[in-house]
Amino acid sequence: MVENRFNFVKTSNFSVFHMLVGLNWNALKVLLGGWKDGTRGYALFKKEGSPKSLKQLGYYYAVILPHSVKAFRDNQDFSLLIDFKGKQIELELTLDNMDKFLKTAYAKLTGVYADKSEMDMEECAAYEDWCIKWVAQWLDYQIPPADIDKID
């Protein structure tokens, strides 16, 4: 498969063509002009930025989530309430449900659902920082910082 890269910067204009500032339309026209009629293809849009690291994900799953569950249990909370389509749903206090709970709470605040598979390093760090602060503020619990001596 041949990939061609066309850089651009997204703006908040109304026209989709004006949103892609810096996109080289002439190069795109030349590329597509060389294709036979009926050729199928697709456009892949991907944000630039450093991908999140395995260390970040490890810290989230090995430290932040388990300590978040512990913080709830220490406060005598053994289930989670999530708002879904105007209803409150009670979930068992598990690591998977804690992940959903934190993502939902983050989305309420920021308007962005935290899909870690789509995050870059900066977004992942901001989300993890938010989780730590949320647990400290609402559950009066300090999640331990990453132990950089144990990180390879």
C-alpha atoms as a PDB file:
ATOM      1  CA  MET A   1       0.000   0.000   0.000  1.00  0.00           C
ATOM      2  CA  VAL A   2       1.326   3.411  -0.955  1.00  0.00           C
ATOM      3  CA  GLU A   3       0.678   6.245   1.486  1.00  0.00           C
ATOM      4  CA  ASN A   4       0.969   9.915   0.675  1.00  0.00           C
ATOM      5  CA  ARG A   5       1.204  12.520   3.390  1.00  0.00           C
ATOM      6  CA  PHE A   6      -0.562  15.867   3.078  1.00  0.00           C
ATOM      7  CA  ASN A   7       0.022  18.173   6.042  1.00  0.00           C
ATOM      8  CA  PHE A   8      -2.572  20.738   7.121  1.00  0.00           C
ATOM      9  CA  VAL A   9      -3.726  22.763  10.113  1.00  0.00           C
ATOM     10  CA  LYS A  10      -7.391  22.603  11.158  1.00  0.00           C
ATOM     11  CA  THR A  11      -9.156  25.941  11.699  1.00  0.00           C
ATOM     12  CA  SER A  12     -12.666  26.781  12.857  1.00  0.00           C
ATOM     13  CA  ASN A  13     -13.984  28.080   9.512  1.00  0.00           C
ATOM     14  CA  PHE A  14     -17.359  26.857   8.280  1.00  0.00           C
ATOM     15  CA  SER A  15     -16.326  25.326   4.963  1.00  0.00           C
ATOM     16  CA  VAL A  16     -14.523  22.009   5.241  1.00  0.00           C
ATOM     17  CA  PHE A  17     -12.191  23.157   2.460  1.00  0.00           C
ATOM     18  CA  HIS A  18     -11.255  26.250   4.473  1.00  0.00           C
ATOM     19  CA  MET A  19     -10.766  24.169   7.642  1.00  0.00           C
ATOM     20  CA  LEU A  20      -7.720  22.449   6.190  1.00  0.00           C
ATOM     21  CA  VAL A  21      -5.323  25.376   6.035  1.00  0.00           C
ATOM     22  CA  GLY A  22      -2.045  24.509   4.390  1.00  0.00           C
ATOM     23  CA  LEU A  23      -3.333  21.403   2.629  1.00  0.00           C
ATOM     24  CA  ASN A  24      -1.617  21.250  -0.739  1.00  0.00           C
ATOM     25  CA  TRP A  25      -4.652  20.935  -3.003  1.00  0.00           C
ATOM     26  CA  ASN A  26      -2.493  20.972  -6.155  1.00  0.00           C
ATOM     27  CA  ALA A  27      -0.414  18.020  -4.990  1.00  0.00           C
ATOM     28  CA  LEU A  28      -3.592  16.189  -4.052  1.00  0.00           C
ATOM     29  CA  LYS A  29      -5.042  16.947  -7.494  1.00  0.00           C
ATOM     30  CA  VAL A  30      -1.878  15.639  -9.200  1.00  0.00           C
ATOM     31  CA  LEU A  31      -1.931  12.463  -7.097  1.00  0.00           C
ATOM     32  CA  LEU A  32      -5.598  11.743  -7.772  1.00  0.00           C
ATOM     33  CA  GLY A  33      -5.216  12.742 -11.430  1.00  0.00           C
ATOM     34  CA  GLY A  34      -2.902   9.776 -11.891  1.00  0.00           C
ATOM     35  CA  TRP A  35      -5.515   7.309 -10.693  1.00  0.00           C
ATOM     36  CA  LYS A  36      -7.804   5.491 -13.115  1.00  0.00           C
ATOM     37  CA  ASP A  37     -11.512   6.310 -12.977  1.00  0.00           C
ATOM     38  CA  GLY A  38     -13.220   3.986 -10.528  1.00  0.00           C
ATOM     39  CA  THR A  39     -10.124   3.557  -8.357  1.00  0.00           C
ATOM     40  CA  ARG A  40     -11.129   3.232  -4.719  1.00  0.00           C
ATOM     41  CA  GLY A  41      -9.162   4.848  -1.917  1.00  0.00           C
ATOM     42  CA  TYR A  42      -9.583   6.532   1.421  1.00  0.00           C
ATOM     43  CA  ALA A  43      -8.326   9.555   3.297  1.00  0.00           C
ATOM     44  CA  LEU A  44      -6.736   9.047   6.686  1.00  0.00           C
ATOM     45  CA  PHE A  45      -6.716  12.030   9.050  1.00  0.00           C
ATOM     46  CA  LYS A  46      -4.458  11.682  12.051  1.00  0.00           C
ATOM     47  CA  LYS A  47      -3.360  14.241  14.621  1.00  0.00           C
ATOM     48  CA  GLU A  48       0.306  15.023  14.819  1.00  0.00           C
ATOM     49  CA  GLY A  49       1.955  14.586  18.185  1.00  0.00           C
ATOM     50  CA  SER A  50       3.991  12.080  20.117  1.00  0.00           C
ATOM     51  CA  PRO A  51       2.070   8.888  20.777  1.00  0.00           C
ATOM     52  CA  LYS A  52       1.283   8.138  24.402  1.00  0.00           C
ATOM     53  CA  SER A  53       3.891   5.955  26.034  1.00  0.00           C
ATOM     54  CA  LEU A  54       3.590   2.475  27.466  1.00  0.00           C
ATOM     55  CA  LYS A  55       4.858   3.969  30.730  1.00  0.00           C
ATOM     56  CA  GLN A  56       1.885   6.353  30.795  1.00  0.00           C
ATOM     57  CA  LEU A  57      -0.567   3.528  30.166  1.00  0.00           C
ATOM     58  CA  GLY A  58       1.198   1.349  32.738  1.00  0.00           C
ATOM     59  CA  TYR A  59       0.918   4.084  35.360  1.00  0.00           C
ATOM     60  CA  TYR A  60      -2.773   4.565  34.567  1.00  0.00           C
ATOM     61  CA  TYR A  61      -3.693   0.874  34.733  1.00  0.00           C
ATOM     62  CA  ALA A  62      -1.279  -0.202  37.506  1.00  0.00           C
ATOM     63  CA  VAL A  63      -1.493   2.817  39.815  1.00  0.00           C
ATOM     64  CA  ILE A  64      -4.253   5.327  39.028  1.00  0.00           C
ATOM     65  CA  LEU A  65      -7.135   2.872  38.523  1.00  0.00           C
ATOM     66  CA  PRO A  66      -6.380   0.553  41.491  1.00  0.00           C
ATOM     67  CA  HIS A  67      -5.812   3.502  43.825  1.00  0.00           C
ATOM     68  CA  SER A  68      -9.026   5.132  42.601  1.00  0.00           C
ATOM     69  CA  VAL A  69     -10.938   1.961  43.488  1.00  0.00           C
ATOM     70  CA  LYS A  70      -9.193   1.897  46.886  1.00  0.00           C
ATOM     71  CA  ALA A  71     -10.139   5.537  47.480  1.00  0.00           C
ATOM     72  CA  PHE A  72     -13.819   4.737  46.872  1.00  0.00           C
ATOM     73  CA  ARG A  73     -13.679   1.698  49.165  1.00  0.00           C
ATOM     74  CA  ASP A  74     -11.904   3.714  51.870  1.00  0.00           C
ATOM     75  CA  ASN A  75     -14.874   6.113  51.688  1.00  0.00           C
ATOM     76  CA  GLN A  76     -17.302   3.195  52.094  1.00  0.00           C
ATOM     77  CA  ASP A  77     -18.455   3.487  48.483  1.00  0.00           C
ATOM     78  CA  PHE A  78     -18.745   0.073  46.874  1.00  0.00           C
ATOM     79  CA  SER A  79     -20.496   1.003  43.637  1.00  0.00           C
ATOM     80  CA  LEU A  80     -20.310   3.774  41.059  1.00  0.00           C
ATOM     81  CA  LEU A  81     -23.102   5.943  39.662  1.00  0.00           C
ATOM     82  CA  ILE A  82     -22.821   6.989  36.024  1.00  0.00           C
ATOM     83  CA  ASP A  83     -25.248   9.303  34.229  1.00  0.00           C
ATOM     84  CA  PHE A  84     -26.326   7.724  30.955  1.00  0.00           C
ATOM     85  CA  LYS A  85     -29.011   9.221  28.721  1.00  0.00           C
ATOM     86  CA  GLY A  86     -30.531  11.111  31.618  1.00  0.00           C
ATOM     87  CA  LYS A  87     -30.597   8.110  33.944  1.00  0.00           C
ATOM     88  CA  GLN A  88     -28.245   7.134  36.737  1.00  0.00           C
ATOM     89  CA  ILE A  89     -26.813   3.658  36.412  1.00  0.00           C
ATOM     90  CA  GLU A  90     -25.179   1.897  39.347  1.00  0.00           C
ATOM     91  CA  LEU A  91     -22.095  -0.135  38.500  1.00  0.00           C
ATOM     92  CA  GLU A  92     -20.067  -2.565  40.557  1.00  0.00           C
ATOM     93  CA  LEU A  93     -16.769  -1.105  41.775  1.00  0.00           C
ATOM     94  CA  THR A  94     -14.269  -2.788  39.423  1.00  0.00           C
ATOM     95  CA  LEU A  95     -11.205  -1.540  37.567  1.00  0.00           C
ATOM     96  CA  ASP A  96     -13.057  -1.616  34.239  1.00  0.00           C
ATOM     97  CA  ASN A  97     -16.021   0.307  35.651  1.00  0.00           C
ATOM     98  CA  MET A  98     -13.699   2.789  37.376  1.00  0.00           C
ATOM     99  CA  ASP A  99     -12.113   3.434  33.973  1.00  0.00           C
ATOM    100  CA  LYS A 100     -15.581   4.134  32.502  1.00  0.00           C
ATOM    101  CA  PHE A 101     -16.529   6.285  35.494  1.00  0.00           C
ATOM    102  CA  LEU A 102     -13.412   8.481  35.218  1.00  0.00           C
ATOM    103  CA  LYS A 103     -13.808   8.821  31.437  1.00  0.00           C
ATOM    104  CA  THR A 104     -17.447   9.848  31.860  1.00  0.00           C
ATOM    105  CA  ALA A 105     -16.624  12.375  34.602  1.00  0.00           C
ATOM    106  CA  TYR A 106     -13.822  13.805  32.446  1.00  0.00           C
ATOM    107  CA  ALA A 107     -16.195  14.073  29.471  1.00  0.00           C
ATOM    108  CA  LYS A 108     -18.736  15.988  31.566  1.00  0.00           C
ATOM    109  CA  LEU A 109     -16.086  18.529  32.502  1.00  0.00           C
ATOM    110  CA  THR A 110     -14.251  18.862  29.194  1.00  0.00           C
ATOM    111  CA  GLY A 111     -16.830  17.779  26.637  1.00  0.00           C
ATOM    112  CA  VAL A 112     -14.329  15.193  25.359  1.00  0.00           C
ATOM    113  CA  TYR A 113     -14.669  11.465  26.045  1.00  0.00           C
ATOM    114  CA  ALA A 114     -11.201  10.219  26.949  1.00  0.00           C
ATOM    115  CA  ASP A 115     -10.569   7.442  24.446  1.00  0.00           C
ATOM    116  CA  LYS A 116      -7.020   6.484  25.342  1.00  0.00           C
ATOM    117  CA  SER A 117      -6.492   4.712  22.023  1.00  0.00           C
ATOM    118  CA  GLU A 118      -6.774   8.097  20.278  1.00  0.00           C
ATOM    119  CA  MET A 119      -4.716  10.138  22.770  1.00  0.00           C
ATOM    120  CA  ASP A 120      -1.268  11.497  22.163  1.00  0.00           C
ATOM    121  CA  MET A 121       1.294  11.845  24.950  1.00  0.00           C
ATOM    122  CA  GLU A 122       0.166  15.336  25.989  1.00  0.00           C
ATOM    123  CA  GLU A 123      -3.538  14.423  26.067  1.00  0.00           C
ATOM    124  CA  CYS A 124      -2.834  11.263  28.056  1.00  0.00           C
ATOM    125  CA  ALA A 125      -0.758  13.229  30.597  1.00  0.00           C
ATOM    126  CA  ALA A 126      -3.544  15.822  30.961  1.00  0.00           C
ATOM    127  CA  TYR A 127      -6.157  13.087  31.482  1.00  0.00           C
ATOM    128  CA  GLU A 128      -4.038  11.249  34.061  1.00  0.00           C
ATOM    129  CA  ASP A 129      -3.336  14.514  35.880  1.00  0.00           C
ATOM    130  CA  TRP A 130      -7.056  15.268  35.936  1.00  0.00           C
ATOM    131  CA  CYS A 131      -7.809  11.780  37.369  1.00  0.00           C
ATOM    132  CA  ILE A 132      -5.268  12.266  40.166  1.00  0.00           C
ATOM    133  CA  LYS A 133      -6.651  15.698  41.040  1.00  0.00           C
ATOM    134  CA  TRP A 134     -10.260  14.495  40.906  1.00  0.00           C
ATOM    135  CA  VAL A 135      -9.570  11.626  43.324  1.00  0.00           C
ATOM    136  CA  ALA A 136      -7.688  13.996  45.652  1.00  0.00           C
ATOM    137  CA  GLN A 137     -10.455  16.610  45.593  1.00  0.00           C
ATOM    138  CA  TRP A 138     -13.530  14.404  45.838  1.00  0.00           C
ATOM    139  CA  LEU A 139     -12.227  11.411  47.797  1.00  0.00           C
ATOM    140  CA  ASP A 140      -9.450  13.046  49.841  1.00  0.00           C
ATOM    141  CA  TYR A 141      -6.980  10.426  48.637  1.00  0.00           C
ATOM    142  CA  GLN A 142      -3.493  10.932  47.256  1.00  0.00           C
ATOM    143  CA  ILE A 143      -2.585   8.650  44.366  1.00  0.00           C
ATOM    144  CA  PRO A 144       1.155   7.960  44.536  1.00  0.00           C
ATOM    145  CA  PRO A 145       3.322   9.580  41.886  1.00  0.00           C
ATOM    146  CA  ALA A 146       5.044   7.451  39.271  1.00  0.00           C
ATOM    147  CA  ASP A 147       8.162   5.819  40.682  1.00  0.00           C
ATOM    148  CA  ILE A 148      10.704   6.776  38.035  1.00  0.00           C
ATOM    149  CA  ASP A 149      13.333   4.541  39.655  1.00  0.00           C
ATOM    150  CA  LYS A 150      11.258   1.505  38.671  1.00  0.00           C
ATOM    151  CA  ILE A 151      10.706   2.666  35.093  1.00  0.00           C
ATOM    152  CA  ASP A 152      13.143   1.268  32.519  1.00  0.00           C
END
